[in-house]
Amino acid sequence: MKPSLANIRRDASDVTAGGGHGTGVGDATVRLQRLSLELMLEPGPLLEPIEEALAQHGAPLRWAITACTALPGGQRWIRLEAVVLHGAP
């Protein structure tokens, strides 16, 4: 079952890989995006639903669970902080 997204906060910045525009070394532009996700997860393993939720926003470079609350019925509310990459070659 896919996790439900309760809240998403995003900050994005552009990073130029290679030599940048006009240098002749390469003009690949990638975007790093910081995310704060709040998920409601069903009982069971955490890794797969977390990876699925992050993949919807880009390729995860790093992530951490910064808060977790057990709810009645075995559900869990989880806050993730992550950095994802967009536009990789």
C-alpha atoms as a PDB file:
ATOM      1  CA  MET A   1       0.000   0.000   0.000  1.00  0.00           C
ATOM      2  CA  LYS A   2       1.343   3.414  -0.916  1.00  0.00           C
ATOM      3  CA  PRO A   3       1.953   5.850   1.924  1.00  0.00           C
ATOM      4  CA  SER A   4      -0.345   8.818   2.194  1.00  0.00           C
ATOM      5  CA  LEU A   5       1.374  12.182   2.004  1.00  0.00           C
ATOM      6  CA  ALA A   6       0.144  14.472   4.729  1.00  0.00           C
ATOM      7  CA  ASN A   7       2.402  17.428   4.001  1.00  0.00           C
ATOM      8  CA  ILE A   8       5.236  18.333   1.639  1.00  0.00           C
ATOM      9  CA  ARG A   9       7.627  21.270   1.919  1.00  0.00           C
ATOM     10  CA  ARG A  10      10.148  21.871  -0.877  1.00  0.00           C
ATOM     11  CA  ASP A  11      13.159  24.101  -1.370  1.00  0.00           C
ATOM     12  CA  ALA A  12      14.994  23.898  -4.672  1.00  0.00           C
ATOM     13  CA  SER A  13      18.264  25.273  -5.961  1.00  0.00           C
ATOM     14  CA  ASP A  14      20.020  24.819  -9.290  1.00  0.00           C
ATOM     15  CA  VAL A  15      23.522  23.421  -9.362  1.00  0.00           C
ATOM     16  CA  THR A  16      25.567  23.382 -12.551  1.00  0.00           C
ATOM     17  CA  ALA A  17      27.669  20.285 -13.148  1.00  0.00           C
ATOM     18  CA  GLY A  18      30.685  20.262 -15.423  1.00  0.00           C
ATOM     19  CA  GLY A  19      32.103  23.628 -16.414  1.00  0.00           C
ATOM     20  CA  GLY A  20      28.869  25.570 -16.560  1.00  0.00           C
ATOM     21  CA  HIS A  21      27.422  27.689 -19.346  1.00  0.00           C
ATOM     22  CA  GLY A  22      29.897  28.986 -21.894  1.00  0.00           C
ATOM     23  CA  THR A  23      32.962  27.156 -20.596  1.00  0.00           C
ATOM     24  CA  GLY A  24      32.938  24.379 -23.189  1.00  0.00           C
ATOM     25  CA  VAL A  25      33.455  21.790 -20.440  1.00  0.00           C
ATOM     26  CA  GLY A  26      29.832  20.695 -20.209  1.00  0.00           C
ATOM     27  CA  ASP A  27      26.526  22.333 -19.578  1.00  0.00           C
ATOM     28  CA  ALA A  28      24.633  19.729 -17.562  1.00  0.00           C
ATOM     29  CA  THR A  29      22.295  21.403 -15.099  1.00  0.00           C
ATOM     30  CA  VAL A  30      20.901  19.420 -12.217  1.00  0.00           C
ATOM     31  CA  ARG A  31      18.580  20.544  -9.487  1.00  0.00           C
ATOM     32  CA  LEU A  32      18.953  19.637  -5.841  1.00  0.00           C
ATOM     33  CA  GLN A  33      15.723  19.784  -3.888  1.00  0.00           C
ATOM     34  CA  ARG A  34      15.320  19.686  -0.125  1.00  0.00           C
ATOM     35  CA  LEU A  35      12.105  18.020   1.006  1.00  0.00           C
ATOM     36  CA  SER A  36      10.223  17.646   4.222  1.00  0.00           C
ATOM     37  CA  LEU A  37       7.610  14.887   3.863  1.00  0.00           C
ATOM     38  CA  GLU A  38       5.025  13.727   6.368  1.00  0.00           C
ATOM     39  CA  LEU A  39       3.762  10.195   5.720  1.00  0.00           C
ATOM     40  CA  MET A  40       1.087   7.964   7.227  1.00  0.00           C
ATOM     41  CA  LEU A  41       2.399   4.406   6.946  1.00  0.00           C
ATOM     42  CA  GLU A  42       0.614   1.116   7.527  1.00  0.00           C
ATOM     43  CA  PRO A  43       2.108  -1.524   9.849  1.00  0.00           C
ATOM     44  CA  GLY A  44       5.076  -3.336   8.330  1.00  0.00           C
ATOM     45  CA  PRO A  45       8.539  -2.576   7.007  1.00  0.00           C
ATOM     46  CA  LEU A  46       9.419   1.102   6.537  1.00  0.00           C
ATOM     47  CA  LEU A  47      12.122   1.110   3.858  1.00  0.00           C
ATOM     48  CA  GLU A  48      10.028   0.267   0.778  1.00  0.00           C
ATOM     49  CA  PRO A  49       7.209   2.803   1.361  1.00  0.00           C
ATOM     50  CA  ILE A  50       9.750   5.515   2.242  1.00  0.00           C
ATOM     51  CA  GLU A  51      11.768   4.849  -0.931  1.00  0.00           C
ATOM     52  CA  GLU A  52       8.552   4.888  -3.016  1.00  0.00           C
ATOM     53  CA  ALA A  53       7.479   8.222  -1.538  1.00  0.00           C
ATOM     54  CA  LEU A  54      10.899   9.789  -2.143  1.00  0.00           C
ATOM     55  CA  ALA A  55      11.125   8.460  -5.725  1.00  0.00           C
ATOM     56  CA  GLN A  56       8.035  10.524  -6.620  1.00  0.00           C
ATOM     57  CA  HIS A  57      10.158  13.652  -6.065  1.00  0.00           C
ATOM     58  CA  GLY A  58      13.487  12.666  -7.678  1.00  0.00           C
ATOM     59  CA  ALA A  59      16.530  10.472  -7.025  1.00  0.00           C
ATOM     60  CA  PRO A  60      17.230  10.523  -3.271  1.00  0.00           C
ATOM     61  CA  LEU A  61      20.777  11.511  -2.331  1.00  0.00           C
ATOM     62  CA  ARG A  62      20.173  11.318   1.404  1.00  0.00           C
ATOM     63  CA  TRP A  63      17.235  11.140   3.779  1.00  0.00           C
ATOM     64  CA  ALA A  64      16.475  10.788   7.478  1.00  0.00           C
ATOM     65  CA  ILE A  65      13.470  10.071   9.670  1.00  0.00           C
ATOM     66  CA  THR A  66      13.261  13.133  11.921  1.00  0.00           C
ATOM     67  CA  ALA A  67      10.045  12.253  13.781  1.00  0.00           C
ATOM     68  CA  CYS A  68       7.846   9.192  14.221  1.00  0.00           C
ATOM     69  CA  THR A  69       4.615   8.664  16.164  1.00  0.00           C
ATOM     70  CA  ALA A  70       2.842   5.318  16.641  1.00  0.00           C
ATOM     71  CA  LEU A  71      -0.911   5.627  16.102  1.00  0.00           C
ATOM     72  CA  PRO A  72      -3.808   3.361  17.108  1.00  0.00           C
ATOM     73  CA  GLY A  73      -4.191   0.400  14.771  1.00  0.00           C
ATOM     74  CA  GLY A  74      -0.470   0.146  14.105  1.00  0.00           C
ATOM     75  CA  GLN A  75      -0.194   3.068  11.688  1.00  0.00           C
ATOM     76  CA  ARG A  76       2.788   5.390  11.968  1.00  0.00           C
ATOM     77  CA  TRP A  77       3.115   9.093  11.258  1.00  0.00           C
ATOM     78  CA  ILE A  78       6.631   9.798  10.001  1.00  0.00           C
ATOM     79  CA  ARG A  79       8.422  13.013   9.095  1.00  0.00           C
ATOM     80  CA  LEU A  80      11.286  12.702   6.590  1.00  0.00           C
ATOM     81  CA  GLU A  81      13.918  15.270   5.663  1.00  0.00           C
ATOM     82  CA  ALA A  82      15.549  14.524   2.307  1.00  0.00           C
ATOM     83  CA  VAL A  83      17.639  15.871  -0.552  1.00  0.00           C
ATOM     84  CA  VAL A  84      16.715  14.627  -4.024  1.00  0.00           C
ATOM     85  CA  LEU A  85      18.347  15.149  -7.413  1.00  0.00           C
ATOM     86  CA  HIS A  86      16.588  16.120 -10.671  1.00  0.00           C
ATOM     87  CA  GLY A  87      18.022  16.154 -14.179  1.00  0.00           C
ATOM     88  CA  ALA A  88      20.951  13.790 -13.739  1.00  0.00           C
ATOM     89  CA  PRO A  89      22.426  12.597 -17.053  1.00  0.00           C
END
